[in-house]
Amino acid sequence: MDAITPKEIVARGEDVKRPTQEEAEEAVRTLIAWAGDDPMREGLIDTPKRVVKAYKEWFSGYDEDPVKYLSRTFEDVQGYDDIVVLRDIEVESHCEHHMAPFLGKAYVAYMPTQAVVGISKLARVVEIFSKRLQTQETMTQQICDAITESLAPMGVAVLIDAVHECMTTRGVHHRHVSTVTTQFTGVFKTDKDLRNRFLRLAGK
């Protein structure tokens, strides 16, 4: 099966008919009642409105196109011809299986061809994909694909190291276990020394 491009992901989101805010708040009241509490008691009366507001922030990535943030590049790099690496990008996402948070760090690198992109834009791409219901494996691939599609670099490297609360607060209840996912393309895939250099810079 072919990989889904970032543009296709955005298009899929546009096809979803979103409920109204009132409908979303009513769904939260249903979940509160299902959990065994009274959604109309004083401490919970405004909870549905707060939850819907939080969801709007947590899942704001559905409203943004990551490729757009990578469209403005700079060619005047004064002869720079080495890798560009961003370390310790905060990842705050929610797993698509239990809607539980997973939190960690992303490390992103690319080998430019002729142009580079503003470093904040790379961090923004990570943020956009993280603010969607995700699996860590898929998100790693999506970040890599977006950079590849937009910048056509000689290679891209992405590493994400995160702790999943669906594993720490439910199920097996194993704390202090992190999940590491990687994706390498181009020179990072073919050049072992370059790949290992990236991993060292990421502290792995």
N, C-alpha and C. Protein backbone atom coordinates (compact mmCIF):
# COMPACT_ATOMS: atom_id res chain seq x y z
N MET A 1 0.85 -1.19 0.00
CA MET A 1 0.00 0.00 0.00
C MET A 1 0.89 1.25 0.00
N ASP A 2 0.56 2.21 -0.85
CA ASP A 2 1.36 3.43 -0.94
C ASP A 2 1.14 4.29 0.29
N ALA A 3 2.17 5.04 0.65
CA ALA A 3 2.07 5.95 1.79
C ALA A 3 1.09 7.08 1.48
N ILE A 4 0.37 7.53 2.50
CA ILE A 4 -0.56 8.64 2.35
C ILE A 4 0.21 9.94 2.49
N THR A 5 0.04 10.83 1.53
CA THR A 5 0.77 12.09 1.56
C THR A 5 0.12 13.06 2.54
N PRO A 6 0.88 14.07 3.03
CA PRO A 6 0.31 15.07 3.93
C PRO A 6 -0.89 15.77 3.35
N LYS A 7 -0.88 16.05 2.04
CA LYS A 7 -2.03 16.73 1.42
C LYS A 7 -3.27 15.85 1.46
N GLU A 8 -3.10 14.55 1.26
CA GLU A 8 -4.23 13.63 1.30
C GLU A 8 -4.82 13.56 2.70
N ILE A 9 -3.95 13.64 3.71
CA ILE A 9 -4.43 13.62 5.09
C ILE A 9 -5.29 14.84 5.37
N VAL A 10 -4.83 16.02 4.90
CA VAL A 10 -5.61 17.24 5.09
C VAL A 10 -6.95 17.12 4.36
N ALA A 11 -6.93 16.58 3.14
CA ALA A 11 -8.16 16.44 2.37
C ALA A 11 -9.15 15.53 3.08
N ARG A 12 -8.67 14.45 3.70
CA ARG A 12 -9.55 13.56 4.43
C ARG A 12 -10.24 14.30 5.57
N GLY A 13 -9.47 15.14 6.27
CA GLY A 13 -10.04 15.91 7.36
C GLY A 13 -11.14 16.85 6.89
N GLU A 14 -11.00 17.38 5.69
CA GLU A 14 -12.00 18.29 5.15
C GLU A 14 -13.31 17.57 4.83
N ASP A 15 -13.25 16.24 4.65
CA ASP A 15 -14.45 15.48 4.32
C ASP A 15 -15.27 15.12 5.55
N VAL A 16 -14.72 15.32 6.74
CA VAL A 16 -15.41 14.95 7.97
C VAL A 16 -16.42 16.03 8.33
N LYS A 17 -17.67 15.61 8.58
CA LYS A 17 -18.69 16.56 9.03
C LYS A 17 -18.58 16.70 10.54
N ARG A 18 -18.22 17.88 10.98
CA ARG A 18 -18.02 18.09 12.40
C ARG A 18 -19.34 18.41 13.10
N PRO A 19 -19.55 17.84 14.28
CA PRO A 19 -20.72 18.21 15.07
C PRO A 19 -20.63 19.66 15.52
N THR A 20 -21.74 20.21 15.96
CA THR A 20 -21.72 21.54 16.53
C THR A 20 -21.08 21.49 17.91
N GLN A 21 -20.76 22.65 18.45
CA GLN A 21 -20.19 22.68 19.80
C GLN A 21 -21.18 22.12 20.81
N GLU A 22 -22.46 22.43 20.60
CA GLU A 22 -23.49 21.93 21.52
C GLU A 22 -23.54 20.40 21.49
N GLU A 23 -23.45 19.83 20.30
CA GLU A 23 -23.46 18.37 20.17
C GLU A 23 -22.23 17.75 20.83
N ALA A 24 -21.08 18.40 20.67
CA ALA A 24 -19.86 17.89 21.29
C ALA A 24 -19.96 17.95 22.81
N GLU A 25 -20.52 19.04 23.33
CA GLU A 25 -20.68 19.16 24.78
C GLU A 25 -21.64 18.11 25.32
N GLU A 26 -22.69 17.81 24.57
CA GLU A 26 -23.64 16.78 24.99
C GLU A 26 -22.97 15.40 25.02
N ALA A 27 -22.04 15.17 24.07
CA ALA A 27 -21.32 13.90 24.07
C ALA A 27 -20.46 13.77 25.33
N VAL A 28 -19.88 14.88 25.79
CA VAL A 28 -19.09 14.84 27.03
C VAL A 28 -19.99 14.55 28.22
N ARG A 29 -21.18 15.13 28.24
CA ARG A 29 -22.12 14.84 29.33
C ARG A 29 -22.47 13.35 29.36
N THR A 30 -22.62 12.77 28.18
CA THR A 30 -22.92 11.34 28.10
C THR A 30 -21.79 10.51 28.70
N LEU A 31 -20.56 10.87 28.39
CA LEU A 31 -19.41 10.14 28.93
C LEU A 31 -19.30 10.30 30.44
N ILE A 32 -19.59 11.50 30.94
CA ILE A 32 -19.55 11.71 32.40
C ILE A 32 -20.58 10.82 33.07
N ALA A 33 -21.78 10.78 32.51
CA ALA A 33 -22.83 9.93 33.08
C ALA A 33 -22.46 8.46 32.98
N TRP A 34 -21.83 8.06 31.85
CA TRP A 34 -21.42 6.66 31.68
C TRP A 34 -20.36 6.28 32.71
N ALA A 35 -19.50 7.25 33.07
CA ALA A 35 -18.47 7.00 34.08
C ALA A 35 -19.07 6.83 35.47
N GLY A 36 -20.33 7.30 35.66
CA GLY A 36 -21.01 7.11 36.93
C GLY A 36 -21.24 8.37 37.73
N ASP A 37 -21.03 9.52 37.12
CA ASP A 37 -21.22 10.77 37.86
C ASP A 37 -22.37 11.57 37.24
N ASP A 38 -22.74 12.63 37.92
CA ASP A 38 -23.86 13.48 37.49
C ASP A 38 -23.30 14.68 36.74
N PRO A 39 -23.51 14.76 35.42
CA PRO A 39 -22.96 15.88 34.66
C PRO A 39 -23.56 17.23 35.03
N MET A 40 -24.64 17.22 35.84
CA MET A 40 -25.29 18.48 36.20
C MET A 40 -24.88 18.95 37.60
N ARG A 41 -24.02 18.18 38.30
CA ARG A 41 -23.61 18.67 39.62
C ARG A 41 -22.66 19.85 39.46
N GLU A 42 -22.52 20.64 40.53
CA GLU A 42 -21.81 21.92 40.45
C GLU A 42 -20.41 21.80 39.89
N GLY A 43 -19.66 20.80 40.35
CA GLY A 43 -18.27 20.69 39.91
C GLY A 43 -18.11 20.28 38.46
N LEU A 44 -19.17 19.74 37.84
CA LEU A 44 -19.09 19.22 36.47
C LEU A 44 -19.92 20.00 35.47
N ILE A 45 -20.70 20.96 35.95
CA ILE A 45 -21.65 21.63 35.06
C ILE A 45 -20.97 22.31 33.88
N ASP A 46 -19.78 22.85 34.09
CA ASP A 46 -19.06 23.54 33.01
C ASP A 46 -17.97 22.67 32.37
N THR A 47 -17.85 21.42 32.83
CA THR A 47 -16.81 20.54 32.29
C THR A 47 -16.96 20.28 30.80
N PRO A 48 -18.16 20.02 30.28
CA PRO A 48 -18.27 19.79 28.82
C PRO A 48 -17.73 20.95 27.99
N LYS A 49 -17.99 22.17 28.42
CA LYS A 49 -17.49 23.33 27.68
C LYS A 49 -15.96 23.38 27.74
N ARG A 50 -15.40 23.06 28.91
CA ARG A 50 -13.94 23.07 29.05
C ARG A 50 -13.30 21.97 28.21
N VAL A 51 -13.92 20.78 28.20
CA VAL A 51 -13.37 19.67 27.44
C VAL A 51 -13.36 19.98 25.95
N VAL A 52 -14.46 20.54 25.46
CA VAL A 52 -14.53 20.87 24.03
C VAL A 52 -13.49 21.93 23.68
N LYS A 53 -13.29 22.89 24.56
CA LYS A 53 -12.25 23.91 24.33
C LYS A 53 -10.87 23.27 24.31
N ALA A 54 -10.64 22.33 25.23
CA ALA A 54 -9.35 21.64 25.26
C ALA A 54 -9.14 20.81 23.99
N TYR A 55 -10.20 20.14 23.53
CA TYR A 55 -10.10 19.35 22.30
C TYR A 55 -9.75 20.23 21.11
N LYS A 56 -10.30 21.42 21.09
CA LYS A 56 -10.00 22.34 19.98
C LYS A 56 -8.51 22.67 19.93
N GLU A 57 -7.89 22.78 21.11
CA GLU A 57 -6.45 23.05 21.17
C GLU A 57 -5.64 21.79 20.90
N TRP A 58 -6.02 20.67 21.55
CA TRP A 58 -5.26 19.43 21.40
C TRP A 58 -5.23 18.92 19.97
N PHE A 59 -6.32 19.16 19.23
CA PHE A 59 -6.44 18.60 17.89
C PHE A 59 -6.50 19.67 16.80
N SER A 60 -5.83 20.79 17.07
CA SER A 60 -5.81 21.89 16.10
C SER A 60 -5.03 21.54 14.84
N GLY A 61 -4.27 20.46 14.85
CA GLY A 61 -3.50 20.07 13.68
C GLY A 61 -4.35 19.70 12.49
N TYR A 62 -5.61 19.35 12.73
CA TYR A 62 -6.50 19.00 11.61
C TYR A 62 -6.84 20.22 10.75
N ASP A 63 -6.67 21.41 11.32
CA ASP A 63 -7.04 22.63 10.60
C ASP A 63 -5.86 23.26 9.86
N GLU A 64 -4.70 22.61 9.88
CA GLU A 64 -3.52 23.21 9.28
C GLU A 64 -2.83 22.25 8.31
N ASP A 65 -2.23 22.83 7.28
CA ASP A 65 -1.50 22.07 6.27
C ASP A 65 -0.01 22.20 6.55
N PRO A 66 0.66 21.13 6.95
CA PRO A 66 2.09 21.24 7.27
C PRO A 66 2.95 21.64 6.09
N VAL A 67 2.54 21.25 4.88
CA VAL A 67 3.32 21.58 3.69
C VAL A 67 3.39 23.09 3.48
N LYS A 68 2.33 23.79 3.86
CA LYS A 68 2.31 25.25 3.69
C LYS A 68 3.42 25.91 4.49
N TYR A 69 3.73 25.38 5.65
CA TYR A 69 4.76 25.98 6.49
C TYR A 69 6.16 25.76 5.94
N LEU A 70 6.30 24.81 5.03
CA LEU A 70 7.61 24.52 4.45
C LEU A 70 7.79 25.13 3.07
N SER A 71 6.81 25.94 2.64
CA SER A 71 6.84 26.45 1.27
C SER A 71 7.80 27.62 1.08
N ARG A 72 8.13 28.33 2.15
CA ARG A 72 9.05 29.47 2.02
C ARG A 72 10.45 29.02 2.40
N THR A 73 11.34 29.04 1.42
CA THR A 73 12.71 28.59 1.64
C THR A 73 13.69 29.72 1.35
N PHE A 74 14.94 29.51 1.76
CA PHE A 74 15.98 30.50 1.59
C PHE A 74 17.18 29.86 0.88
N GLU A 75 17.65 30.51 -0.17
CA GLU A 75 18.76 29.96 -0.94
C GLU A 75 20.10 30.55 -0.56
N ASP A 76 20.11 31.69 0.10
CA ASP A 76 21.37 32.33 0.48
C ASP A 76 21.86 31.73 1.80
N VAL A 77 22.62 30.66 1.69
CA VAL A 77 23.14 29.97 2.88
C VAL A 77 24.66 30.07 2.97
N GLN A 78 25.26 30.94 2.16
CA GLN A 78 26.70 31.22 2.22
C GLN A 78 27.54 29.95 2.09
N GLY A 79 27.11 29.05 1.21
CA GLY A 79 27.90 27.86 0.94
C GLY A 79 27.73 26.73 1.94
N TYR A 80 26.76 26.84 2.86
CA TYR A 80 26.55 25.78 3.85
C TYR A 80 26.13 24.49 3.15
N ASP A 81 26.81 23.38 3.46
CA ASP A 81 26.55 22.13 2.75
C ASP A 81 26.53 20.92 3.69
N ASP A 82 26.02 21.11 4.89
CA ASP A 82 25.98 20.02 5.87
C ASP A 82 24.54 19.85 6.36
N ILE A 83 24.35 18.89 7.26
CA ILE A 83 23.00 18.60 7.73
C ILE A 83 22.48 19.72 8.64
N VAL A 84 21.16 19.83 8.70
CA VAL A 84 20.47 20.73 9.62
C VAL A 84 19.70 19.85 10.59
N VAL A 85 19.93 20.04 11.88
CA VAL A 85 19.33 19.18 12.90
C VAL A 85 18.59 20.03 13.93
N LEU A 86 17.36 19.64 14.25
CA LEU A 86 16.62 20.22 15.37
C LEU A 86 16.46 19.14 16.43
N ARG A 87 16.83 19.47 17.66
CA ARG A 87 16.74 18.50 18.75
C ARG A 87 15.70 18.94 19.77
N ASP A 88 15.18 17.96 20.49
CA ASP A 88 14.31 18.22 21.65
C ASP A 88 13.07 19.04 21.31
N ILE A 89 12.43 18.74 20.18
CA ILE A 89 11.16 19.37 19.84
C ILE A 89 10.07 18.69 20.68
N GLU A 90 9.32 19.45 21.43
CA GLU A 90 8.29 18.88 22.30
C GLU A 90 7.20 18.19 21.46
N VAL A 91 6.84 16.99 21.87
CA VAL A 91 5.74 16.26 21.24
C VAL A 91 4.65 16.06 22.28
N GLU A 92 3.46 16.58 22.00
CA GLU A 92 2.29 16.38 22.84
C GLU A 92 1.18 15.88 21.92
N SER A 93 0.89 14.59 22.00
CA SER A 93 -0.09 14.02 21.09
C SER A 93 -1.03 13.09 21.85
N HIS A 94 -1.99 12.51 21.13
CA HIS A 94 -2.95 11.56 21.71
C HIS A 94 -3.03 10.34 20.81
N CYS A 95 -2.97 9.16 21.42
CA CYS A 95 -3.02 7.95 20.62
C CYS A 95 -4.43 7.73 20.09
N GLU A 96 -4.51 7.23 18.88
CA GLU A 96 -5.81 7.05 18.23
C GLU A 96 -6.56 5.84 18.76
N HIS A 97 -5.90 5.00 19.55
CA HIS A 97 -6.56 3.79 20.05
C HIS A 97 -7.34 4.03 21.34
N HIS A 98 -6.78 4.87 22.24
CA HIS A 98 -7.45 5.12 23.52
C HIS A 98 -7.67 6.60 23.79
N MET A 99 -7.20 7.47 22.88
CA MET A 99 -7.27 8.91 23.04
C MET A 99 -6.55 9.36 24.32
N ALA A 100 -5.54 8.59 24.71
CA ALA A 100 -4.71 8.95 25.85
C ALA A 100 -3.49 9.70 25.36
N PRO A 101 -2.95 10.62 26.17
CA PRO A 101 -1.79 11.39 25.72
C PRO A 101 -0.54 10.53 25.58
N PHE A 102 0.31 10.92 24.64
CA PHE A 102 1.70 10.45 24.67
C PHE A 102 2.60 11.66 24.48
N LEU A 103 3.64 11.70 25.31
CA LEU A 103 4.48 12.89 25.43
C LEU A 103 5.94 12.52 25.24
N GLY A 104 6.68 13.38 24.55
CA GLY A 104 8.09 13.08 24.34
C GLY A 104 8.81 14.16 23.57
N LYS A 105 9.82 13.74 22.84
CA LYS A 105 10.67 14.65 22.07
C LYS A 105 10.83 14.13 20.65
N ALA A 106 10.96 15.06 19.72
CA ALA A 106 11.25 14.71 18.33
C ALA A 106 12.59 15.31 17.94
N TYR A 107 13.30 14.58 17.08
CA TYR A 107 14.60 15.01 16.55
C TYR A 107 14.49 14.91 15.03
N VAL A 108 14.74 16.02 14.36
CA VAL A 108 14.52 16.09 12.91
C VAL A 108 15.77 16.63 12.24
N ALA A 109 16.17 16.01 11.14
CA ALA A 109 17.33 16.48 10.38
C ALA A 109 17.06 16.32 8.89
N TYR A 110 17.69 17.18 8.10
CA TYR A 110 17.65 17.01 6.65
C TYR A 110 18.95 17.52 6.06
N MET A 111 19.28 16.99 4.90
CA MET A 111 20.45 17.44 4.14
C MET A 111 19.94 18.29 3.00
N PRO A 112 20.15 19.61 3.06
CA PRO A 112 19.60 20.49 2.02
C PRO A 112 20.23 20.22 0.66
N THR A 113 19.47 20.58 -0.36
CA THR A 113 20.02 20.58 -1.72
C THR A 113 20.56 21.99 -1.98
N GLN A 114 19.66 22.90 -2.36
CA GLN A 114 20.10 24.29 -2.58
C GLN A 114 19.48 25.25 -1.58
N ALA A 115 18.31 24.92 -1.06
CA ALA A 115 17.60 25.85 -0.19
C ALA A 115 17.37 25.24 1.18
N VAL A 116 17.22 26.11 2.18
CA VAL A 116 16.89 25.68 3.53
C VAL A 116 15.58 26.35 3.93
N VAL A 117 14.96 25.82 4.95
CA VAL A 117 13.71 26.37 5.45
C VAL A 117 13.94 26.91 6.85
N GLY A 118 13.14 27.89 7.26
CA GLY A 118 13.28 28.43 8.61
C GLY A 118 13.12 27.32 9.64
N ILE A 119 14.00 27.29 10.64
CA ILE A 119 14.01 26.18 11.58
C ILE A 119 12.71 26.09 12.37
N SER A 120 12.06 27.22 12.62
CA SER A 120 10.80 27.17 13.36
C SER A 120 9.73 26.43 12.57
N LYS A 121 9.85 26.44 11.25
CA LYS A 121 8.85 25.75 10.42
C LYS A 121 8.94 24.24 10.59
N LEU A 122 10.14 23.72 10.80
CA LEU A 122 10.29 22.28 11.04
C LEU A 122 9.62 21.89 12.36
N ALA A 123 9.83 22.71 13.39
CA ALA A 123 9.17 22.44 14.66
C ALA A 123 7.66 22.54 14.53
N ARG A 124 7.21 23.45 13.68
CA ARG A 124 5.77 23.63 13.47
C ARG A 124 5.17 22.40 12.79
N VAL A 125 5.90 21.80 11.88
CA VAL A 125 5.41 20.59 11.21
C VAL A 125 5.21 19.47 12.23
N VAL A 126 6.17 19.32 13.14
CA VAL A 126 6.03 18.32 14.20
C VAL A 126 4.78 18.61 15.03
N GLU A 127 4.58 19.86 15.37
CA GLU A 127 3.44 20.25 16.20
C GLU A 127 2.12 19.96 15.49
N ILE A 128 2.04 20.28 14.20
CA ILE A 128 0.80 20.06 13.46
C ILE A 128 0.42 18.59 13.45
N PHE A 129 1.37 17.73 13.13
CA PHE A 129 1.05 16.31 13.08
C PHE A 129 0.78 15.73 14.48
N SER A 130 1.43 16.29 15.50
CA SER A 130 1.20 15.77 16.84
C SER A 130 -0.17 16.16 17.37
N LYS A 131 -0.73 17.26 16.88
CA LYS A 131 -2.05 17.69 17.36
C LYS A 131 -3.16 17.06 16.53
N ARG A 132 -3.06 15.76 16.37
CA ARG A 132 -4.07 14.93 15.73
C ARG A 132 -4.08 13.59 16.47
N LEU A 133 -5.15 12.83 16.31
CA LEU A 133 -5.14 11.47 16.84
C LEU A 133 -4.12 10.68 16.03
N GLN A 134 -3.20 10.02 16.73
CA GLN A 134 -2.04 9.47 16.05
C GLN A 134 -1.62 8.11 16.58
N THR A 135 -0.82 7.42 15.79
CA THR A 135 0.12 6.44 16.30
C THR A 135 1.50 7.08 16.13
N GLN A 136 2.42 6.73 17.01
CA GLN A 136 3.75 7.33 16.92
C GLN A 136 4.44 6.94 15.62
N GLU A 137 4.20 5.71 15.18
CA GLU A 137 4.83 5.24 13.95
C GLU A 137 4.36 6.06 12.75
N THR A 138 3.04 6.29 12.68
CA THR A 138 2.48 7.06 11.56
C THR A 138 2.97 8.49 11.58
N MET A 139 2.99 9.10 12.76
CA MET A 139 3.43 10.49 12.86
C MET A 139 4.88 10.65 12.41
N THR A 140 5.73 9.70 12.78
CA THR A 140 7.13 9.75 12.36
C THR A 140 7.23 9.76 10.84
N GLN A 141 6.45 8.89 10.20
CA GLN A 141 6.43 8.81 8.74
C GLN A 141 5.88 10.09 8.11
N GLN A 142 4.82 10.63 8.69
CA GLN A 142 4.19 11.84 8.15
C GLN A 142 5.13 13.04 8.18
N ILE A 143 5.86 13.20 9.28
CA ILE A 143 6.82 14.30 9.38
C ILE A 143 7.89 14.17 8.31
N CYS A 144 8.39 12.97 8.15
CA CYS A 144 9.42 12.70 7.15
C CYS A 144 8.89 12.97 5.74
N ASP A 145 7.68 12.51 5.45
CA ASP A 145 7.10 12.69 4.12
C ASP A 145 6.88 14.17 3.80
N ALA A 146 6.40 14.94 4.78
CA ALA A 146 6.13 16.36 4.55
C ALA A 146 7.41 17.12 4.20
N ILE A 147 8.49 16.83 4.93
CA ILE A 147 9.77 17.50 4.65
C ILE A 147 10.31 17.08 3.29
N THR A 148 10.20 15.79 2.98
CA THR A 148 10.67 15.28 1.70
C THR A 148 9.90 15.89 0.55
N GLU A 149 8.58 15.93 0.67
CA GLU A 149 7.73 16.46 -0.39
C GLU A 149 7.98 17.94 -0.64
N SER A 150 8.20 18.69 0.42
CA SER A 150 8.30 20.15 0.30
C SER A 150 9.69 20.64 -0.07
N LEU A 151 10.74 20.00 0.47
CA LEU A 151 12.09 20.52 0.31
C LEU A 151 12.94 19.73 -0.68
N ALA A 152 12.50 18.53 -1.04
CA ALA A 152 13.29 17.66 -1.93
C ALA A 152 14.76 17.63 -1.49
N PRO A 153 15.02 17.32 -0.24
CA PRO A 153 16.41 17.29 0.25
C PRO A 153 17.11 16.02 -0.19
N MET A 154 18.40 15.95 0.09
CA MET A 154 19.15 14.73 -0.21
C MET A 154 18.84 13.61 0.78
N GLY A 155 18.23 13.96 1.89
CA GLY A 155 17.84 12.96 2.86
C GLY A 155 17.17 13.59 4.06
N VAL A 156 16.35 12.79 4.76
CA VAL A 156 15.64 13.25 5.95
C VAL A 156 15.79 12.18 7.03
N ALA A 157 15.93 12.63 8.28
CA ALA A 157 15.98 11.73 9.43
C ALA A 157 15.01 12.25 10.49
N VAL A 158 14.19 11.36 11.01
CA VAL A 158 13.24 11.72 12.07
C VAL A 158 13.31 10.66 13.16
N LEU A 159 13.41 11.10 14.41
CA LEU A 159 13.38 10.20 15.55
C LEU A 159 12.42 10.79 16.59
N ILE A 160 11.54 9.96 17.11
CA ILE A 160 10.63 10.39 18.17
C ILE A 160 10.77 9.42 19.34
N ASP A 161 10.90 9.97 20.53
CA ASP A 161 11.02 9.21 21.76
C ASP A 161 9.92 9.69 22.70
N ALA A 162 8.94 8.83 23.00
CA ALA A 162 7.77 9.28 23.75
C ALA A 162 7.29 8.22 24.73
N VAL A 163 6.60 8.69 25.77
CA VAL A 163 5.97 7.83 26.77
C VAL A 163 4.46 7.89 26.56
N HIS A 164 3.82 6.73 26.50
CA HIS A 164 2.39 6.62 26.19
C HIS A 164 1.59 6.33 27.46
N GLU A 165 0.66 7.23 27.76
CA GLU A 165 -0.14 7.05 28.97
C GLU A 165 -1.15 5.91 28.84
N CYS A 166 -1.44 5.48 27.61
CA CYS A 166 -2.31 4.30 27.46
C CYS A 166 -1.59 3.05 27.96
N MET A 167 -0.29 3.16 28.14
CA MET A 167 0.50 2.04 28.66
C MET A 167 0.85 2.25 30.14
N THR A 168 0.93 3.50 30.58
CA THR A 168 1.34 3.77 31.96
C THR A 168 0.17 3.91 32.92
N THR A 169 -1.00 4.36 32.46
CA THR A 169 -2.14 4.61 33.35
C THR A 169 -3.26 3.59 33.19
N ARG A 170 -3.12 2.67 32.26
CA ARG A 170 -4.12 1.62 32.05
C ARG A 170 -3.39 0.39 31.51
N GLY A 171 -4.16 -0.68 31.28
CA GLY A 171 -3.55 -1.86 30.67
C GLY A 171 -2.44 -2.46 31.50
N VAL A 172 -1.24 -2.52 30.93
CA VAL A 172 -0.12 -3.17 31.62
C VAL A 172 0.47 -2.34 32.74
N HIS A 173 0.18 -1.03 32.78
CA HIS A 173 0.66 -0.13 33.84
C HIS A 173 2.17 -0.18 34.00
N HIS A 174 2.89 -0.13 32.91
CA HIS A 174 4.35 -0.08 32.96
C HIS A 174 4.81 1.38 32.81
N ARG A 175 5.37 1.91 33.87
CA ARG A 175 5.88 3.28 33.84
C ARG A 175 7.34 3.29 33.37
N HIS A 176 7.79 4.46 32.98
CA HIS A 176 9.19 4.68 32.60
C HIS A 176 9.59 3.86 31.37
N VAL A 177 8.62 3.47 30.56
CA VAL A 177 8.92 2.79 29.30
C VAL A 177 8.64 3.77 28.17
N SER A 178 9.66 4.06 27.38
CA SER A 178 9.46 4.98 26.26
C SER A 178 9.52 4.20 24.95
N THR A 179 8.86 4.76 23.95
CA THR A 179 8.85 4.16 22.62
C THR A 179 9.67 5.05 21.69
N VAL A 180 10.58 4.44 20.93
CA VAL A 180 11.42 5.17 19.99
C VAL A 180 11.09 4.71 18.58
N THR A 181 10.76 5.67 17.71
CA THR A 181 10.51 5.37 16.30
C THR A 181 11.44 6.22 15.44
N THR A 182 11.85 5.68 14.30
CA THR A 182 12.76 6.40 13.41
C THR A 182 12.31 6.24 11.96
N GLN A 183 12.71 7.20 11.16
CA GLN A 183 12.51 7.11 9.71
C GLN A 183 13.69 7.80 9.03
N PHE A 184 14.31 7.11 8.08
CA PHE A 184 15.46 7.66 7.37
C PHE A 184 15.22 7.55 5.87
N THR A 185 15.58 8.60 5.14
CA THR A 185 15.51 8.57 3.68
C THR A 185 16.81 9.10 3.09
N GLY A 186 17.02 8.82 1.83
CA GLY A 186 18.16 9.38 1.10
C GLY A 186 19.48 9.05 1.75
N VAL A 187 20.30 10.09 1.92
CA VAL A 187 21.66 9.88 2.42
C VAL A 187 21.68 9.35 3.85
N PHE A 188 20.64 9.63 4.62
CA PHE A 188 20.59 9.11 5.98
C PHE A 188 20.34 7.60 5.99
N LYS A 189 19.75 7.11 4.92
CA LYS A 189 19.50 5.67 4.82
C LYS A 189 20.69 4.94 4.22
N THR A 190 21.39 5.60 3.29
CA THR A 190 22.48 4.93 2.58
C THR A 190 23.84 5.13 3.24
N ASP A 191 23.99 6.20 4.01
CA ASP A 191 25.28 6.52 4.62
C ASP A 191 25.22 6.22 6.11
N LYS A 192 25.79 5.12 6.52
CA LYS A 192 25.74 4.68 7.91
C LYS A 192 26.39 5.70 8.84
N ASP A 193 27.50 6.29 8.42
CA ASP A 193 28.20 7.26 9.26
C ASP A 193 27.34 8.49 9.51
N LEU A 194 26.65 8.95 8.46
CA LEU A 194 25.79 10.13 8.60
C LEU A 194 24.61 9.81 9.51
N ARG A 195 24.05 8.62 9.32
CA ARG A 195 22.93 8.20 10.17
C ARG A 195 23.36 8.12 11.63
N ASN A 196 24.54 7.53 11.87
CA ASN A 196 25.03 7.43 13.25
C ASN A 196 25.35 8.80 13.84
N ARG A 197 25.79 9.71 13.00
CA ARG A 197 26.06 11.07 13.47
C ARG A 197 24.77 11.72 13.95
N PHE A 198 23.71 11.54 13.18
CA PHE A 198 22.40 12.08 13.59
C PHE A 198 21.97 11.47 14.92
N LEU A 199 22.13 10.16 15.05
CA LEU A 199 21.71 9.49 16.28
C LEU A 199 22.52 9.98 17.48
N ARG A 200 23.80 10.23 17.26
CA ARG A 200 24.62 10.78 18.37
C ARG A 200 24.15 12.17 18.75
N LEU A 201 23.84 12.99 17.74
CA LEU A 201 23.35 14.33 18.03
C LEU A 201 22.01 14.30 18.75
N ALA A 202 21.23 13.23 18.48
CA ALA A 202 19.95 13.06 19.17
C ALA A 202 20.13 12.42 20.54
N GLY A 203 21.37 12.06 20.88
CA GLY A 203 21.65 11.46 22.17
C GLY A 203 21.23 10.00 22.27
N LYS A 204 21.22 9.31 21.11
CA LYS A 204 20.79 7.89 21.08
C LYS A 204 21.94 6.97 20.72
